Amino acid sequence: MLTMPRSCNTARPAASLYLYPKTSFPFWALCRSFLGYFDRNQGVLRGIASIRRVPGVVVTRGHCDGWYCEGSELLRRHWPGLSVPPRGHVGAAGGLDLRTCVYNGTGIEKPDYLATVDVDPNSPTYSKVIHRLPMPYIGDELHHSGWNACSSCHGDPSAVRQFLILPSLLSSRIYVVDTAKTPRAPSLHKVVEPTDILQKTGLAYPHTSHCLASGDIMVSCLGDKEGNATGNGFLLLDSDFNVKGRWEKPGHSPLFGYDFWYQPRHKTMISSSWGAPAAFSKGFNLQHVSDGLYGRHLYVYSWPDGELKQTLDLGNAGLLPLETRFLHDPSKDTGFVGCGLSSNMVRFFKTTDGAWSHEVAISVTPLKVRNWILPEMPGLISDFLISLDDRYLYFVNWFHGDVRQYNIEDPSKPVLTGQVWVGGLLHKGSDVVYVSEDGAESQFSVPVIKGNRLRGGPQMIQLSLDGKRLYVTNSLFSVWDQQFYGPDFVKKGSHMLQIDVNTEQGGLTINPNFFVDFGTEPEGPALAHEMRYPGGDCTSDIWI
């Protein structure tokens, strides 16, 4: 039986623009595909979806009664077993973007905070931070985030995407933020203390969180309290955010921890491996790679029972495998991992005998450089994502400074369709230059946005639900920011950019009208990292 995601059951705030995808999506995203830019004053869909990948099904227009789409009746006729969410709140705070902002490591003795950014071009506060929620402690290093409920919770009618989970990478606290009571001004709901996590699981350094169909929340943790990678594993919180224990079976923890993604139809979870917290938390040392303090493996687990079934050694082509994503289509057994130091996008897939394998799908050539710490500079792929329709893959090169778009309709043969430079270590005016084969020295041109020179390199990205706006921030991790981009970058703070996307033919264009300057924050310049939409996004929702 095909089921629609329950993540649509999300509390609706007043008077906001709500953003939903209006491009073509396969059946696993139909819940969203019927919703475009929804103007609640007119009560009609302005974005019309065409579901081109499902033979015989073309949706041309739908009207909404409250927050329910009549198009669901068409779906029932084509798929009699389809379960569509009931009438009710299927909206989310569109026009808003939630991002983690860090003061830890900047010299400013203030708590990290969650910033709410207005991304609605029709709003008078467009491209501005409209709210800041400071955490109660100093020294957390807010990093990644996730939701208490997502599309995998479709079977629970009480599941509501209300709480944002904020793991603190260095303090090991986990904050729970209520985003529904007052969507434009989220509030702190609960703090999961590191002592409770440590006492019950021995885990520390929490990183990635995903909601589960059971209502639990799973968080990858990168080590033990001393920062040893051997103590890493997966933390489970219940729906009230109490510590339940570890997810993986005893003796089945990976060698290193970082990101993870599960694909329930294939009964598989795959996790990646950054490095030992005792190493990366003090800055990057290349010798630590040779010393075995950084990872190069993917770990294949049975889902949902947590048994480590296979370890994929990516070798030198897969040093520092970071973000890990399956395709969104739950029937697909293909995904990608971005390998930071090797600067390769590695594709993993199931073979005919049921085992998992991998291959390099995209390789970023290191550049010969002068006036840098090494004679060659890797791109350093630090983040990537896949569009909700599985058509495009986007990634950033934090060192080189470019953002790329690839068509992955054939995942084994990605095709470059867009590329822009928005910073990096090789921009014009920098001390560092790259050297071509003929010995000529060159640098990349980086635009000025609204009178602002771009700082740092592109680091975290998030795609709007309609696939047409790619948002970019430029802080990786405070101690690494300072190491590679210098104290001047930390003193001036981060910024957020918008890149406009051509979803038909491919292509990227920097939007000249959008610039959020976190260097002018009231408490001083801040480092902005990961982004989330109140209605969910392509890096947090998993369909089943």
Protein backbone atom coordinates (compact mmCIF):
# COMPACT_ATOMS: atom_id res chain seq x y z
CA MET A 1 0.00 0.00 0.00
CA LEU A 2 1.28 3.45 -0.88
CA THR A 3 1.09 5.94 1.94
CA MET A 4 1.41 9.70 2.01
CA PRO A 5 3.79 11.31 4.52
CA ARG A 6 2.26 12.50 7.76
CA SER A 7 4.73 15.35 7.94
CA CYS A 8 2.07 17.49 6.28
CA ASN A 9 0.31 17.58 9.63
CA THR A 10 2.17 20.65 10.79
CA ALA A 11 0.95 23.56 12.85
CA ARG A 12 0.00 26.59 10.77
CA PRO A 13 1.08 30.07 11.82
CA ALA A 14 -0.78 33.22 10.90
CA ALA A 15 -0.15 35.51 7.93
CA SER A 16 2.88 34.02 6.25
CA LEU A 17 3.77 32.91 2.77
CA TYR A 18 3.93 29.13 2.65
CA LEU A 19 6.40 27.49 0.30
CA TYR A 20 5.93 24.07 -1.24
CA PRO A 21 7.43 22.45 -4.31
CA LYS A 22 5.77 23.10 -7.63
CA THR A 23 8.06 21.07 -9.85
CA SER A 24 7.48 17.48 -10.96
CA PHE A 25 7.76 14.79 -8.29
CA PRO A 26 7.27 11.04 -8.21
CA PHE A 27 4.62 9.38 -6.06
CA TRP A 28 6.62 9.46 -2.82
CA ALA A 29 6.38 13.24 -2.76
CA LEU A 30 2.78 13.60 -3.92
CA CYS A 31 1.71 15.08 -0.63
CA ARG A 32 3.88 18.07 -1.42
CA SER A 33 3.54 18.08 -5.20
CA PHE A 34 -0.05 19.28 -5.09
CA LEU A 35 1.00 22.35 -3.16
CA GLY A 36 2.73 25.32 -4.76
CA TYR A 37 3.22 28.78 -3.42
CA PHE A 38 0.05 28.89 -1.37
CA ASP A 39 -1.41 32.33 -0.85
CA ARG A 40 -3.82 31.84 2.03
CA ASN A 41 -5.70 35.03 1.19
CA GLN A 42 -6.70 33.67 -2.22
CA GLY A 43 -6.91 30.03 -1.17
CA VAL A 44 -5.71 28.65 -4.51
CA LEU A 45 -2.58 27.04 -5.75
CA ARG A 46 -0.27 29.33 -7.62
CA GLY A 47 2.27 26.58 -8.22
CA ILE A 48 0.90 23.71 -10.30
CA ALA A 49 2.56 20.32 -10.19
CA SER A 50 2.93 17.83 -13.02
CA ILE A 51 3.84 14.36 -11.92
CA ARG A 52 5.71 13.39 -15.06
CA ARG A 53 7.34 10.30 -13.65
CA VAL A 54 4.10 8.42 -13.00
CA PRO A 55 2.62 7.06 -16.25
CA GLY A 56 -0.90 8.24 -16.91
CA VAL A 57 -1.00 10.79 -14.09
CA VAL A 58 -0.81 14.49 -14.89
CA VAL A 59 -2.11 16.96 -12.34
CA THR A 60 -2.82 20.29 -13.97
CA ARG A 61 -4.60 22.28 -11.29
CA GLY A 62 -6.02 21.89 -7.80
CA HIS A 63 -7.95 24.04 -5.38
CA CYS A 64 -7.65 23.96 -1.63
CA ASP A 65 -10.50 23.79 0.83
CA GLY A 66 -8.83 25.21 3.91
CA TRP A 67 -5.55 23.31 3.85
CA TYR A 68 -6.68 20.20 1.96
CA CYS A 69 -6.22 19.54 -1.75
CA GLU A 70 -8.98 18.03 -3.86
CA GLY A 71 -6.26 16.53 -6.03
CA SER A 72 -5.99 13.70 -3.51
CA GLU A 73 -9.18 12.20 -4.98
CA LEU A 74 -7.39 11.86 -8.32
CA LEU A 75 -4.61 10.01 -6.55
CA ARG A 76 -7.07 7.60 -4.96
CA ARG A 77 -8.50 6.77 -8.38
CA HIS A 78 -5.05 5.91 -9.72
CA TRP A 79 -3.86 4.16 -6.55
CA PRO A 80 -6.83 2.71 -4.63
CA GLY A 81 -4.59 1.84 -1.68
CA LEU A 82 -3.20 5.34 -1.31
CA SER A 83 -3.61 6.92 2.10
CA VAL A 84 -3.81 10.72 1.97
CA PRO A 85 -3.53 12.92 5.07
CA PRO A 86 -6.88 14.06 6.47
CA ARG A 87 -8.12 17.61 6.29
CA GLY A 88 -6.32 19.82 8.69
CA HIS A 89 -3.10 21.76 9.06
CA VAL A 90 -0.81 20.85 6.20
CA GLY A 91 0.89 24.22 6.04
CA ALA A 92 4.19 25.32 7.49
CA ALA A 93 5.92 28.61 8.10
CA GLY A 94 6.86 29.43 4.54
CA GLY A 95 9.00 32.45 3.89
CA LEU A 96 11.05 31.60 6.99
CA ASP A 97 14.43 29.98 7.35
CA LEU A 98 15.89 28.69 10.63
CA ARG A 99 19.64 28.54 11.03
CA THR A 100 22.17 27.76 13.71
CA CYS A 101 24.54 30.62 14.57
CA VAL A 102 27.70 30.22 16.58
CA TYR A 103 29.66 32.48 18.93
CA ASN A 104 31.77 29.67 20.29
CA GLY A 105 35.36 30.10 19.14
CA THR A 106 34.87 33.70 17.98
CA GLY A 107 36.10 35.43 21.14
CA ILE A 108 32.58 36.69 21.89
CA GLU A 109 31.43 35.22 25.21
CA LYS A 110 27.80 34.84 24.27
CA PRO A 111 25.58 31.78 23.75
CA ASP A 112 25.05 30.34 20.29
CA TYR A 113 21.57 31.01 18.93
CA LEU A 114 18.91 30.02 16.43
CA ALA A 115 18.22 32.77 13.90
CA THR A 116 14.96 33.18 11.99
CA VAL A 117 15.52 34.71 8.55
CA ASP A 118 12.77 36.14 6.36
CA VAL A 119 13.17 34.74 2.83
CA ASP A 120 9.85 36.03 1.45
CA PRO A 121 10.68 38.59 -1.28
CA ASN A 122 7.30 40.27 -0.75
CA SER A 123 7.96 40.91 2.93
CA PRO A 124 9.25 44.25 4.30
CA THR A 125 11.81 42.29 6.35
CA TYR A 126 13.05 40.22 3.41
CA SER A 127 16.68 39.13 3.70
CA LYS A 128 16.84 40.05 7.39
CA VAL A 129 17.14 38.22 10.68
CA ILE A 130 13.77 38.77 12.38
CA HIS A 131 14.33 36.77 15.56
CA ARG A 132 17.16 35.31 17.63
CA LEU A 133 16.77 32.57 20.21
CA PRO A 134 19.90 32.38 22.38
CA MET A 135 20.68 29.11 24.10
CA PRO A 136 21.07 29.19 27.91
CA TYR A 137 24.76 28.17 27.91
CA ILE A 138 28.04 29.33 26.40
CA GLY A 139 30.39 27.05 24.44
CA ASP A 140 27.91 24.72 22.72
CA GLU A 141 28.92 24.97 19.02
CA LEU A 142 25.48 24.47 17.51
CA HIS A 143 26.00 22.60 14.28
CA HIS A 144 23.37 20.44 12.57
CA SER A 145 19.67 20.07 13.32
CA GLY A 146 16.62 17.92 12.62
CA TRP A 147 12.90 17.54 13.30
CA ASN A 148 10.89 15.57 15.83
CA ALA A 149 8.59 14.38 13.02
CA CYS A 150 9.07 14.04 9.30
CA SER A 151 7.67 12.09 6.37
CA SER A 152 8.64 8.76 7.91
CA CYS A 153 6.03 9.37 10.64
CA HIS A 154 3.08 9.13 8.23
CA GLY A 155 1.40 6.31 10.16
CA ASP A 156 0.93 8.37 13.31
CA PRO A 157 -2.00 10.83 13.07
CA SER A 158 -0.70 12.70 16.12
CA ALA A 159 2.72 13.38 14.59
CA VAL A 160 3.33 17.10 14.15
CA ARG A 161 6.49 18.75 12.87
CA GLN A 162 6.77 21.13 15.78
CA PHE A 163 10.12 20.70 17.49
CA LEU A 164 13.55 21.40 16.03
CA ILE A 165 16.34 19.27 17.50
CA LEU A 166 19.62 21.17 18.00
CA PRO A 167 22.59 18.97 18.99
CA SER A 168 25.58 20.89 20.36
CA LEU A 169 28.71 19.39 18.90
CA LEU A 170 31.15 20.38 21.66
CA SER A 171 29.08 20.64 24.86
CA SER A 172 27.01 17.52 23.96
CA ARG A 173 23.77 19.20 25.01
CA ILE A 174 20.72 18.72 22.83
CA TYR A 175 18.22 21.58 22.67
CA VAL A 176 14.60 21.12 21.68
CA VAL A 177 13.00 24.23 20.15
CA ASP A 178 9.27 24.79 19.66
CA THR A 179 8.76 26.31 16.21
CA ALA A 180 4.95 26.10 16.11
CA LYS A 181 3.64 28.19 19.00
CA THR A 182 5.10 31.37 17.52
CA PRO A 183 6.68 30.46 14.17
CA ARG A 184 8.42 33.80 13.67
CA ALA A 185 9.82 33.64 17.21
CA PRO A 186 10.68 30.02 18.18
CA SER A 187 11.06 29.23 21.88
CA LEU A 188 13.15 26.80 23.90
CA HIS A 189 11.14 23.73 24.94
CA LYS A 190 13.65 21.43 26.62
CA VAL A 191 17.36 20.79 27.22
CA VAL A 192 18.70 17.24 27.15
CA GLU A 193 21.74 17.44 29.40
CA PRO A 194 25.04 15.80 28.44
CA THR A 195 25.28 14.12 31.85
CA ASP A 196 22.04 12.25 31.19
CA ILE A 197 23.22 11.16 27.73
CA LEU A 198 26.61 10.08 29.05
CA GLN A 199 25.23 8.19 32.05
CA LYS A 200 22.77 6.16 29.98
CA THR A 201 24.75 5.64 26.77
CA GLY A 202 28.38 6.77 27.17
CA LEU A 203 27.93 8.94 24.07
CA ALA A 204 29.10 12.50 23.42
CA TYR A 205 29.57 14.95 20.52
CA PRO A 206 26.07 14.67 18.98
CA HIS A 207 25.79 15.59 15.31
CA THR A 208 23.00 14.45 12.93
CA SER A 209 19.41 13.87 14.04
CA HIS A 210 16.57 12.17 12.15
CA CYS A 211 13.05 11.37 13.25
CA LEU A 212 11.91 7.76 13.03
CA ALA A 213 8.55 6.24 12.12
CA SER A 214 8.24 5.04 15.72
CA GLY A 215 8.21 8.64 16.97
CA ASP A 216 11.71 8.31 18.40
CA ILE A 217 14.57 10.59 17.39
CA MET A 218 17.94 9.16 16.43
CA VAL A 219 21.15 11.18 16.81
CA SER A 220 24.60 10.21 15.64
CA CYS A 221 27.29 10.84 18.25
CA LEU A 222 30.93 11.09 17.24
CA GLY A 223 32.76 9.85 20.32
CA ASP A 224 32.95 9.40 24.07
CA LYS A 225 33.44 12.18 26.61
CA GLU A 226 37.23 12.11 26.09
CA GLY A 227 36.79 12.59 22.34
CA ASN A 228 37.78 9.07 21.34
CA ALA A 229 36.10 7.90 18.14
CA THR A 230 35.83 4.35 19.51
CA GLY A 231 33.06 5.54 21.83
CA ASN A 232 30.79 6.76 19.04
CA GLY A 233 27.33 5.41 18.18
CA PHE A 234 23.67 6.33 17.82
CA LEU A 235 21.53 7.89 20.52
CA LEU A 236 17.77 7.34 20.79
CA LEU A 237 15.41 9.90 22.31
CA ASP A 238 11.74 9.12 22.81
CA SER A 239 8.94 11.40 21.61
CA ASP A 240 9.17 13.39 24.87
CA PHE A 241 12.93 13.81 24.32
CA ASN A 242 13.99 11.49 27.12
CA VAL A 243 17.14 9.42 26.65
CA LYS A 244 16.21 5.83 25.76
CA GLY A 245 19.64 4.39 25.05
CA ARG A 246 21.64 3.39 22.01
CA TRP A 247 20.11 2.37 18.69
CA GLU A 248 22.77 -0.03 17.39
CA LYS A 249 23.18 -3.50 18.83
CA PRO A 250 25.99 -3.98 21.39
CA GLY A 251 29.31 -4.42 19.61
CA HIS A 252 27.99 -2.94 16.37
CA SER A 253 29.19 0.65 16.68
CA PRO A 254 31.12 2.07 13.68
CA LEU A 255 34.81 3.01 13.82
CA PHE A 256 33.91 6.68 13.30
CA GLY A 257 30.67 8.59 13.30
CA TYR A 258 29.19 11.51 11.42
CA ASP A 259 26.08 11.56 9.20
CA PHE A 260 23.48 8.87 8.39
CA TRP A 261 20.42 8.22 6.24
CA TYR A 262 18.04 5.29 6.20
CA GLN A 263 16.06 3.74 3.33
CA PRO A 264 13.31 1.61 4.94
CA ARG A 265 12.15 -0.26 1.84
CA HIS A 266 15.66 -1.64 1.51
CA LYS A 267 15.91 -2.20 5.27
CA THR A 268 19.18 -0.31 5.28
CA MET A 269 20.85 2.58 7.10
CA ILE A 270 24.22 3.92 5.95
CA SER A 271 26.45 6.14 8.08
CA SER A 272 29.64 8.04 7.31
CA SER A 273 32.82 8.89 9.21
CA TRP A 274 34.40 12.28 9.89
CA GLY A 275 37.00 11.71 12.58
CA ALA A 276 37.86 11.56 16.26
CA PRO A 277 36.54 14.60 18.16
CA ALA A 278 39.86 14.83 20.02
CA ALA A 279 41.46 15.49 16.63
CA PHE A 280 39.00 17.66 14.66
CA SER A 281 37.94 19.81 17.62
CA LYS A 282 41.46 21.27 17.83
CA GLY A 283 41.79 22.05 14.12
CA PHE A 284 42.81 20.00 11.11
CA ASN A 285 46.21 18.29 11.08
CA LEU A 286 47.02 16.33 7.93
CA GLN A 287 49.21 13.97 9.94
CA HIS A 288 46.10 12.88 11.84
CA VAL A 289 44.77 11.37 8.60
CA SER A 290 47.84 9.14 8.33
CA ASP A 291 47.57 8.39 12.04
CA GLY A 292 44.10 6.94 11.53
CA LEU A 293 42.20 9.66 13.37
CA TYR A 294 39.92 10.40 10.40
CA GLY A 295 37.57 8.08 8.55
CA ARG A 296 37.30 6.68 5.04
CA HIS A 297 34.47 4.15 5.49
CA LEU A 298 30.74 3.82 5.09
CA TYR A 299 28.86 1.58 7.52
CA VAL A 300 25.89 -0.43 6.30
CA TYR A 301 23.32 -1.34 8.97
CA SER A 302 20.18 -3.43 8.88
CA TRP A 303 17.14 -1.22 9.46
CA PRO A 304 15.57 -0.84 11.93
CA ASP A 305 17.33 -3.41 14.13
CA GLY A 306 20.81 -1.85 14.17
CA GLU A 307 23.07 -4.71 13.11
CA LEU A 308 26.26 -3.71 11.29
CA LYS A 309 26.15 -5.79 8.11
CA GLN A 310 28.92 -4.38 5.93
CA THR A 311 31.76 -1.86 6.02
CA LEU A 312 32.71 -0.16 2.75
CA ASP A 313 36.34 0.97 2.63
CA LEU A 314 36.42 3.94 0.25
CA GLY A 315 40.22 4.08 0.27
CA ASN A 316 42.09 7.25 -0.61
CA ALA A 317 39.27 8.23 -2.95
CA GLY A 318 36.97 8.55 0.06
CA LEU A 319 38.89 10.38 2.77
CA LEU A 320 36.62 12.15 5.27
CA PRO A 321 33.24 10.96 3.96
CA LEU A 322 30.77 13.48 5.35
CA GLU A 323 27.15 14.14 4.31
CA THR A 324 25.27 11.00 3.28
CA ARG A 325 22.01 10.98 1.28
CA PHE A 326 19.93 8.32 -0.40
CA LEU A 327 17.75 9.35 -3.32
CA HIS A 328 14.37 10.48 -1.99
CA ASP A 329 12.46 7.87 -3.96
CA PRO A 330 12.20 5.09 -1.33
CA SER A 331 12.22 2.39 -3.99
CA LYS A 332 15.73 3.37 -5.08
CA ASP A 333 18.82 1.69 -3.65
CA THR A 334 21.22 4.45 -4.63
CA GLY A 335 22.76 7.31 -2.69
CA PHE A 336 25.81 9.55 -2.47
CA VAL A 337 28.38 10.64 0.07
CA GLY A 338 30.57 13.73 -0.24
CA CYS A 339 34.19 12.93 0.64
CA GLY A 340 35.72 16.14 1.93
CA LEU A 341 39.47 15.70 1.74
CA SER A 342 39.46 13.56 -1.41
CA SER A 343 36.90 15.93 -2.97
CA ASN A 344 34.96 13.12 -4.60
CA MET A 345 31.24 12.44 -4.74
CA VAL A 346 31.00 8.71 -4.18
CA ARG A 347 27.88 6.81 -5.23
CA PHE A 348 26.83 3.79 -3.18
CA PHE A 349 24.37 1.21 -4.48
CA LYS A 350 23.08 -2.31 -3.96
CA THR A 351 24.44 -4.99 -6.26
CA THR A 352 22.53 -7.90 -7.76
CA ASP A 353 23.72 -10.23 -4.99
CA GLY A 354 22.30 -7.91 -2.32
CA ALA A 355 25.62 -6.52 -1.11
CA TRP A 356 26.46 -2.82 -1.24
CA SER A 357 29.16 -1.35 -3.43
CA HIS A 358 30.50 2.08 -4.36
CA GLU A 359 32.16 4.07 -7.13
CA VAL A 360 33.45 7.60 -7.65
CA ALA A 361 30.69 9.47 -9.48
CA ILE A 362 32.18 12.99 -9.54
CA SER A 363 35.78 13.99 -8.94
CA VAL A 364 36.94 17.54 -8.23
CA THR A 365 40.49 17.96 -9.50
CA PRO A 366 42.88 19.44 -6.93
CA LEU A 367 44.43 22.70 -8.09
CA LYS A 368 48.15 23.45 -8.14
CA VAL A 369 48.60 26.54 -5.99
CA ARG A 370 51.19 28.95 -4.61
CA ASN A 371 51.32 30.70 -1.26
CA TRP A 372 49.31 28.01 0.54
CA ILE A 373 50.11 25.31 3.09
CA LEU A 374 50.28 22.58 0.42
CA PRO A 375 51.35 22.57 -3.25
CA GLU A 376 47.88 21.31 -4.25
CA MET A 377 44.50 22.43 -2.93
CA PRO A 378 41.53 20.05 -2.80
CA GLY A 379 38.06 21.42 -3.36
CA LEU A 380 36.96 20.17 0.08
CA ILE A 381 33.38 19.08 -0.53
CA SER A 382 31.76 19.97 2.79
CA ASP A 383 28.05 19.72 2.00
CA PHE A 384 25.71 18.47 -0.70
CA LEU A 385 22.03 17.79 -1.23
CA ILE A 386 19.67 16.17 -3.70
CA SER A 387 16.57 17.96 -4.97
CA LEU A 388 13.23 16.48 -3.91
CA ASP A 389 12.55 15.17 -7.42
CA ASP A 390 15.96 13.42 -7.48
CA ARG A 391 16.84 15.29 -10.65
CA TYR A 392 19.70 17.49 -9.43
CA LEU A 393 22.58 17.14 -7.01
CA TYR A 394 24.24 20.25 -5.57
CA PHE A 395 27.54 20.48 -3.70
CA VAL A 396 30.03 23.07 -2.49
CA ASN A 397 33.81 23.26 -2.57
CA TRP A 398 34.70 25.13 0.62
CA PHE A 399 38.33 25.75 -0.41
CA HIS A 400 37.89 26.39 -4.14
CA GLY A 401 34.82 28.55 -3.56
CA ASP A 402 32.36 27.21 -6.13
CA VAL A 403 28.84 25.79 -5.91
CA ARG A 404 27.93 23.12 -8.47
CA GLN A 405 24.75 21.62 -9.89
CA TYR A 406 24.68 18.19 -11.56
CA ASN A 407 21.88 16.43 -13.36
CA ILE A 408 21.65 12.94 -11.82
CA GLU A 409 18.67 11.52 -13.68
CA ASP A 410 21.18 8.78 -14.45
CA PRO A 411 22.89 8.57 -11.03
CA SER A 412 25.82 6.66 -12.48
CA LYS A 413 26.58 9.44 -14.98
CA PRO A 414 26.17 12.89 -13.40
CA VAL A 415 26.31 15.84 -15.81
CA LEU A 416 27.52 19.28 -14.73
CA THR A 417 24.74 21.80 -15.46
CA GLY A 418 25.62 24.82 -13.29
CA GLN A 419 28.54 26.38 -11.44
CA VAL A 420 29.14 29.72 -9.67
CA TRP A 421 31.94 31.10 -7.49
CA VAL A 422 30.89 32.74 -4.23
CA GLY A 423 34.15 32.95 -2.28
CA GLY A 424 36.95 30.53 -1.49
CA LEU A 425 40.69 30.82 -1.00
CA LEU A 426 41.42 31.63 -4.66
CA HIS A 427 39.35 34.76 -5.23
CA LYS A 428 40.88 37.82 -6.83
CA GLY A 429 42.80 39.82 -4.26
CA SER A 430 43.79 36.75 -2.23
CA ASP A 431 47.41 35.86 -1.56
CA VAL A 432 46.79 32.36 -2.88
CA VAL A 433 46.81 31.72 -6.64
CA TYR A 434 46.29 28.61 -8.68
CA VAL A 435 48.75 27.65 -11.40
CA SER A 436 47.64 26.24 -14.75
CA GLU A 437 49.57 23.64 -16.73
CA ASP A 438 51.39 26.36 -18.69
CA GLY A 439 52.54 28.03 -15.45
CA ALA A 440 50.15 30.98 -15.62
CA GLU A 441 48.77 32.23 -12.31
CA SER A 442 45.03 32.81 -11.99
CA GLN A 443 42.30 33.60 -9.49
CA PHE A 444 38.50 33.39 -9.59
CA SER A 445 36.22 36.40 -9.88
CA VAL A 446 33.78 36.63 -7.00
CA PRO A 447 30.92 39.16 -7.20
CA VAL A 448 30.07 41.90 -4.75
CA ILE A 449 26.51 41.49 -3.38
CA LYS A 450 24.65 44.62 -2.26
CA GLY A 451 28.00 46.34 -1.70
CA ASN A 452 29.46 43.43 0.29
CA ARG A 453 32.59 41.49 -0.57
CA LEU A 454 32.00 37.79 -0.03
CA ARG A 455 33.96 36.17 2.79
CA GLY A 456 35.06 32.61 3.38
CA GLY A 457 33.88 29.79 1.14
CA PRO A 458 30.48 28.18 0.44
CA GLN A 459 29.88 25.63 3.18
CA MET A 460 26.25 24.69 4.00
CA ILE A 461 23.43 24.71 1.46
CA GLN A 462 19.66 24.29 1.54
CA LEU A 463 17.25 24.15 -1.37
CA SER A 464 13.81 25.75 -1.36
CA LEU A 465 10.97 23.27 -1.66
CA ASP A 466 10.18 24.34 -5.22
CA GLY A 467 13.82 23.73 -6.14
CA LYS A 468 14.38 27.26 -7.44
CA ARG A 469 16.39 28.90 -4.66
CA LEU A 470 19.59 27.54 -3.19
CA TYR A 471 20.67 29.22 0.05
CA VAL A 472 24.34 29.21 1.04
CA THR A 473 26.22 29.96 4.27
CA ASN A 474 29.97 29.95 4.75
CA SER A 475 30.99 28.67 8.21
CA LEU A 476 32.14 25.05 8.61
CA PHE A 477 33.29 24.74 12.24
CA SER A 478 34.63 27.65 14.26
CA VAL A 479 38.16 26.34 14.82
CA TRP A 480 38.45 25.27 11.15
CA ASP A 481 37.05 28.62 10.00
CA GLN A 482 39.82 30.40 11.83
CA GLN A 483 42.50 27.96 10.71
CA PHE A 484 41.77 28.16 6.98
CA TYR A 485 40.19 31.58 6.51
CA GLY A 486 41.95 33.41 9.29
CA PRO A 487 40.91 35.49 12.29
CA ASP A 488 39.68 38.26 10.00
CA PHE A 489 36.89 36.00 8.72
CA VAL A 490 35.80 35.15 12.25
CA LYS A 491 35.90 38.81 13.27
CA LYS A 492 33.73 39.83 10.29
CA GLY A 493 31.28 36.93 10.63
CA SER A 494 29.28 34.87 8.16
CA HIS A 495 26.77 35.70 5.51
CA MET A 496 23.93 33.97 3.69
CA LEU A 497 23.41 34.09 -0.07
CA GLN A 498 20.69 33.05 -2.49
CA ILE A 499 21.47 31.31 -5.76
CA ASP A 500 18.66 31.17 -8.30
CA VAL A 501 18.23 27.79 -9.98
CA ASN A 502 17.09 26.97 -13.48
CA THR A 503 15.15 23.77 -12.83
CA GLU A 504 14.27 23.15 -16.47
CA GLN A 505 17.60 23.28 -18.29
CA GLY A 506 19.94 23.53 -15.34
CA GLY A 507 22.03 26.53 -14.35
CA LEU A 508 22.88 28.70 -11.35
CA THR A 509 22.80 32.50 -10.97
CA ILE A 510 23.70 34.51 -7.87
CA ASN A 511 20.76 36.62 -6.73
CA PRO A 512 21.99 40.24 -6.39
CA ASN A 513 19.13 41.27 -4.07
CA PHE A 514 19.61 38.78 -1.24
CA PHE A 515 22.35 39.11 1.36
CA VAL A 516 22.08 38.38 5.08
CA ASP A 517 25.09 39.76 6.94
CA PHE A 518 25.73 37.96 10.22
CA GLY A 519 28.67 40.29 10.74
CA THR A 520 26.26 43.00 11.90
CA GLU A 521 24.43 41.00 14.57
CA PRO A 522 23.50 42.88 17.78
CA GLU A 523 25.85 40.82 19.98
CA GLY A 524 28.66 40.89 17.43
CA PRO A 525 29.67 38.94 14.29
CA ALA A 526 28.39 35.35 14.29
CA LEU A 527 29.16 32.21 12.30
CA ALA A 528 26.08 30.86 10.49
CA HIS A 529 25.88 27.18 9.71
CA GLU A 530 22.99 24.82 8.87
CA MET A 531 19.53 25.86 7.60
CA ARG A 532 16.07 24.37 8.07
CA TYR A 533 12.58 25.19 6.79
CA PRO A 534 9.65 24.92 9.22
CA GLY A 535 7.82 22.86 6.59
CA GLY A 536 10.62 20.36 6.09
CA ASP A 537 13.27 20.17 3.42
CA CYS A 538 15.20 17.83 1.17
CA THR A 539 17.89 17.07 3.78
CA SER A 540 15.58 16.06 6.63
CA ASP A 541 12.59 14.20 5.13
CA ILE A 542 12.75 10.46 4.49
CA TRP A 543 9.86 8.70 2.69
CA ILE A 544 8.88 5.11 3.35
